[in-house]
Amino acid sequence: MQVDLGKKQYRWLLPWLKKHSSVLDLGCGDGSLLLYLQQNKQAEVLGVEIDAKQVQKCIENQVQVIQ
């Protein structure tokens, strides 16, 4: 899945993150933010999500996730 690079909710975060950062996202939803950071900042990412449907989406997006 390619993430929309123009998403406004992600733009504010980019200046704060250096390449190859480690990111833990609690309540990561479908993992789209983490995927974006993997693709554009080469970040090491891990998501935590309680909703099984969202966990499945993370897996489909090849984002590491813990339920």
N, C-alpha and C. Protein backbone atom coordinates (compact mmCIF):
# COMPACT_ATOMS: atom_id res chain seq x y z
N MET A 1 0.85 -1.18 0.00
CA MET A 1 0.00 0.00 0.00
C MET A 1 0.89 1.24 0.00
N GLN A 2 0.62 2.15 -0.88
CA GLN A 2 1.34 3.43 -0.91
C GLN A 2 0.50 4.44 -0.14
N VAL A 3 1.15 5.14 0.77
CA VAL A 3 0.46 6.12 1.61
C VAL A 3 0.44 7.46 0.90
N ASP A 4 -0.68 8.16 0.98
CA ASP A 4 -0.82 9.50 0.42
C ASP A 4 0.15 10.44 1.14
N LEU A 5 1.18 10.88 0.44
CA LEU A 5 2.20 11.72 1.06
C LEU A 5 1.70 13.12 1.38
N GLY A 6 0.55 13.48 0.87
CA GLY A 6 0.03 14.81 1.11
C GLY A 6 -0.87 14.91 2.32
N LYS A 7 -1.02 13.83 3.08
CA LYS A 7 -1.92 13.86 4.22
C LYS A 7 -1.46 14.91 5.23
N LYS A 8 -2.33 15.84 5.52
CA LYS A 8 -1.98 16.94 6.42
C LYS A 8 -1.64 16.45 7.82
N GLN A 9 -2.29 15.39 8.28
CA GLN A 9 -2.05 14.94 9.64
C GLN A 9 -0.63 14.39 9.82
N TYR A 10 0.07 14.07 8.74
CA TYR A 10 1.43 13.55 8.85
C TYR A 10 2.48 14.64 8.69
N ARG A 11 2.14 15.69 8.00
CA ARG A 11 3.13 16.73 7.67
C ARG A 11 3.80 17.33 8.90
N TRP A 12 3.05 17.57 9.96
CA TRP A 12 3.61 18.22 11.15
C TRP A 12 4.68 17.37 11.81
N LEU A 13 4.59 16.07 11.63
CA LEU A 13 5.49 15.15 12.32
C LEU A 13 6.86 15.04 11.66
N LEU A 14 6.92 15.22 10.36
CA LEU A 14 8.15 14.96 9.62
C LEU A 14 9.37 15.75 10.09
N PRO A 15 9.25 17.03 10.38
CA PRO A 15 10.44 17.76 10.83
C PRO A 15 10.98 17.26 12.18
N TRP A 16 10.16 16.59 12.95
CA TRP A 16 10.56 16.14 14.28
C TRP A 16 11.29 14.81 14.24
N LEU A 17 11.16 14.09 13.16
CA LEU A 17 11.72 12.74 13.08
C LEU A 17 12.94 12.68 12.19
N LYS A 18 14.02 12.15 12.73
CA LYS A 18 15.22 11.93 11.93
C LYS A 18 15.09 10.59 11.23
N LYS A 19 15.83 10.43 10.13
CA LYS A 19 15.84 9.14 9.45
C LYS A 19 16.35 8.07 10.40
N HIS A 20 15.81 6.88 10.24
CA HIS A 20 16.19 5.70 11.02
C HIS A 20 15.79 5.81 12.50
N SER A 21 14.80 6.63 12.79
CA SER A 21 14.28 6.72 14.16
C SER A 21 13.49 5.46 14.51
N SER A 22 13.27 5.25 15.80
CA SER A 22 12.40 4.19 16.28
C SER A 22 11.09 4.81 16.71
N VAL A 23 9.96 4.22 16.28
CA VAL A 23 8.65 4.80 16.56
C VAL A 23 7.72 3.72 17.10
N LEU A 24 7.09 4.01 18.23
CA LEU A 24 6.06 3.16 18.80
C LEU A 24 4.76 3.93 18.72
N ASP A 25 3.76 3.38 18.05
CA ASP A 25 2.47 4.04 17.87
C ASP A 25 1.41 3.26 18.63
N LEU A 26 0.91 3.85 19.71
CA LEU A 26 -0.15 3.23 20.50
C LEU A 26 -1.50 3.62 19.91
N GLY A 27 -2.31 2.62 19.58
CA GLY A 27 -3.58 2.89 18.90
C GLY A 27 -3.31 3.23 17.44
N CYS A 28 -2.55 2.39 16.78
CA CYS A 28 -2.02 2.69 15.44
C CYS A 28 -3.03 2.56 14.31
N GLY A 29 -4.24 2.06 14.61
CA GLY A 29 -5.24 1.92 13.54
C GLY A 29 -4.76 0.97 12.47
N ASP A 30 -4.86 1.38 11.22
CA ASP A 30 -4.47 0.49 10.11
C ASP A 30 -2.98 0.52 9.82
N GLY A 31 -2.23 1.33 10.57
CA GLY A 31 -0.78 1.38 10.41
C GLY A 31 -0.30 2.30 9.31
N SER A 32 -1.19 3.12 8.76
CA SER A 32 -0.80 3.97 7.63
C SER A 32 0.29 4.97 8.01
N LEU A 33 0.23 5.53 9.20
CA LEU A 33 1.30 6.45 9.62
C LEU A 33 2.62 5.70 9.73
N LEU A 34 2.60 4.54 10.32
CA LEU A 34 3.83 3.76 10.46
C LEU A 34 4.39 3.35 9.10
N LEU A 35 3.52 2.98 8.20
CA LEU A 35 3.96 2.64 6.85
C LEU A 35 4.61 3.85 6.18
N TYR A 36 3.99 5.00 6.34
CA TYR A 36 4.53 6.24 5.79
C TYR A 36 5.94 6.50 6.34
N LEU A 37 6.11 6.32 7.65
CA LEU A 37 7.41 6.56 8.26
C LEU A 37 8.45 5.52 7.83
N GLN A 38 8.02 4.30 7.61
CA GLN A 38 8.92 3.28 7.08
C GLN A 38 9.41 3.67 5.69
N GLN A 39 8.49 4.10 4.86
CA GLN A 39 8.80 4.40 3.47
C GLN A 39 9.60 5.69 3.30
N ASN A 40 9.35 6.68 4.16
CA ASN A 40 9.92 8.00 3.92
C ASN A 40 11.00 8.41 4.91
N LYS A 41 11.05 7.77 6.06
CA LYS A 41 12.08 8.09 7.05
C LYS A 41 12.92 6.87 7.42
N GLN A 42 12.67 5.75 6.75
CA GLN A 42 13.34 4.49 7.03
C GLN A 42 13.33 4.19 8.53
N ALA A 43 12.21 4.48 9.15
CA ALA A 43 12.04 4.31 10.60
C ALA A 43 11.81 2.84 10.95
N GLU A 44 12.28 2.47 12.13
CA GLU A 44 11.94 1.18 12.73
C GLU A 44 10.63 1.42 13.48
N VAL A 45 9.58 0.71 13.11
CA VAL A 45 8.26 1.01 13.66
C VAL A 45 7.62 -0.21 14.30
N LEU A 46 6.76 0.07 15.27
CA LEU A 46 5.95 -0.96 15.92
C LEU A 46 4.64 -0.32 16.32
N GLY A 47 3.55 -0.97 15.97
CA GLY A 47 2.23 -0.48 16.33
C GLY A 47 1.60 -1.36 17.40
N VAL A 48 0.74 -0.75 18.20
CA VAL A 48 -0.05 -1.47 19.19
C VAL A 48 -1.50 -1.10 18.91
N GLU A 49 -2.34 -2.13 18.72
CA GLU A 49 -3.74 -1.89 18.36
C GLU A 49 -4.60 -2.96 19.00
N ILE A 50 -5.76 -2.58 19.49
CA ILE A 50 -6.68 -3.51 20.15
C ILE A 50 -7.70 -4.10 19.18
N ASP A 51 -8.08 -3.37 18.15
CA ASP A 51 -9.11 -3.78 17.20
C ASP A 51 -8.55 -4.81 16.22
N ALA A 52 -9.11 -6.01 16.21
CA ALA A 52 -8.61 -7.10 15.38
C ALA A 52 -8.64 -6.76 13.88
N LYS A 53 -9.66 -6.03 13.44
CA LYS A 53 -9.74 -5.65 12.02
C LYS A 53 -8.59 -4.72 11.64
N GLN A 54 -8.27 -3.80 12.53
CA GLN A 54 -7.16 -2.87 12.27
C GLN A 54 -5.82 -3.61 12.31
N VAL A 55 -5.70 -4.57 13.22
CA VAL A 55 -4.48 -5.37 13.29
C VAL A 55 -4.28 -6.09 11.96
N GLN A 56 -5.34 -6.65 11.41
CA GLN A 56 -5.24 -7.34 10.12
C GLN A 56 -4.78 -6.37 9.03
N LYS A 57 -5.29 -5.15 9.04
CA LYS A 57 -4.87 -4.15 8.05
C LYS A 57 -3.39 -3.83 8.19
N CYS A 58 -2.91 -3.74 9.42
CA CYS A 58 -1.48 -3.51 9.65
C CYS A 58 -0.66 -4.63 9.03
N ILE A 59 -1.10 -5.84 9.27
CA ILE A 59 -0.39 -7.01 8.73
C ILE A 59 -0.38 -6.96 7.21
N GLU A 60 -1.51 -6.62 6.62
CA GLU A 60 -1.59 -6.49 5.16
C GLU A 60 -0.67 -5.39 4.65
N ASN A 61 -0.48 -4.35 5.45
CA ASN A 61 0.40 -3.23 5.08
C ASN A 61 1.86 -3.49 5.44
N GLN A 62 2.14 -4.70 5.95
CA GLN A 62 3.49 -5.11 6.33
C GLN A 62 4.08 -4.20 7.42
N VAL A 63 3.23 -3.85 8.36
CA VAL A 63 3.65 -3.06 9.52
C VAL A 63 3.61 -3.98 10.74
N GLN A 64 4.70 -4.00 11.51
CA GLN A 64 4.72 -4.82 12.72
C GLN A 64 3.71 -4.27 13.72
N VAL A 65 2.92 -5.18 14.29
CA VAL A 65 1.86 -4.75 15.20
C VAL A 65 1.69 -5.79 16.29
N ILE A 66 1.32 -5.31 17.47
CA ILE A 66 1.00 -6.15 18.62
C ILE A 66 -0.44 -5.85 19.00
N GLN A 67 -1.20 -6.92 19.25
CA GLN A 67 -2.59 -6.72 19.68
C GLN A 67 -2.66 -6.88 21.18
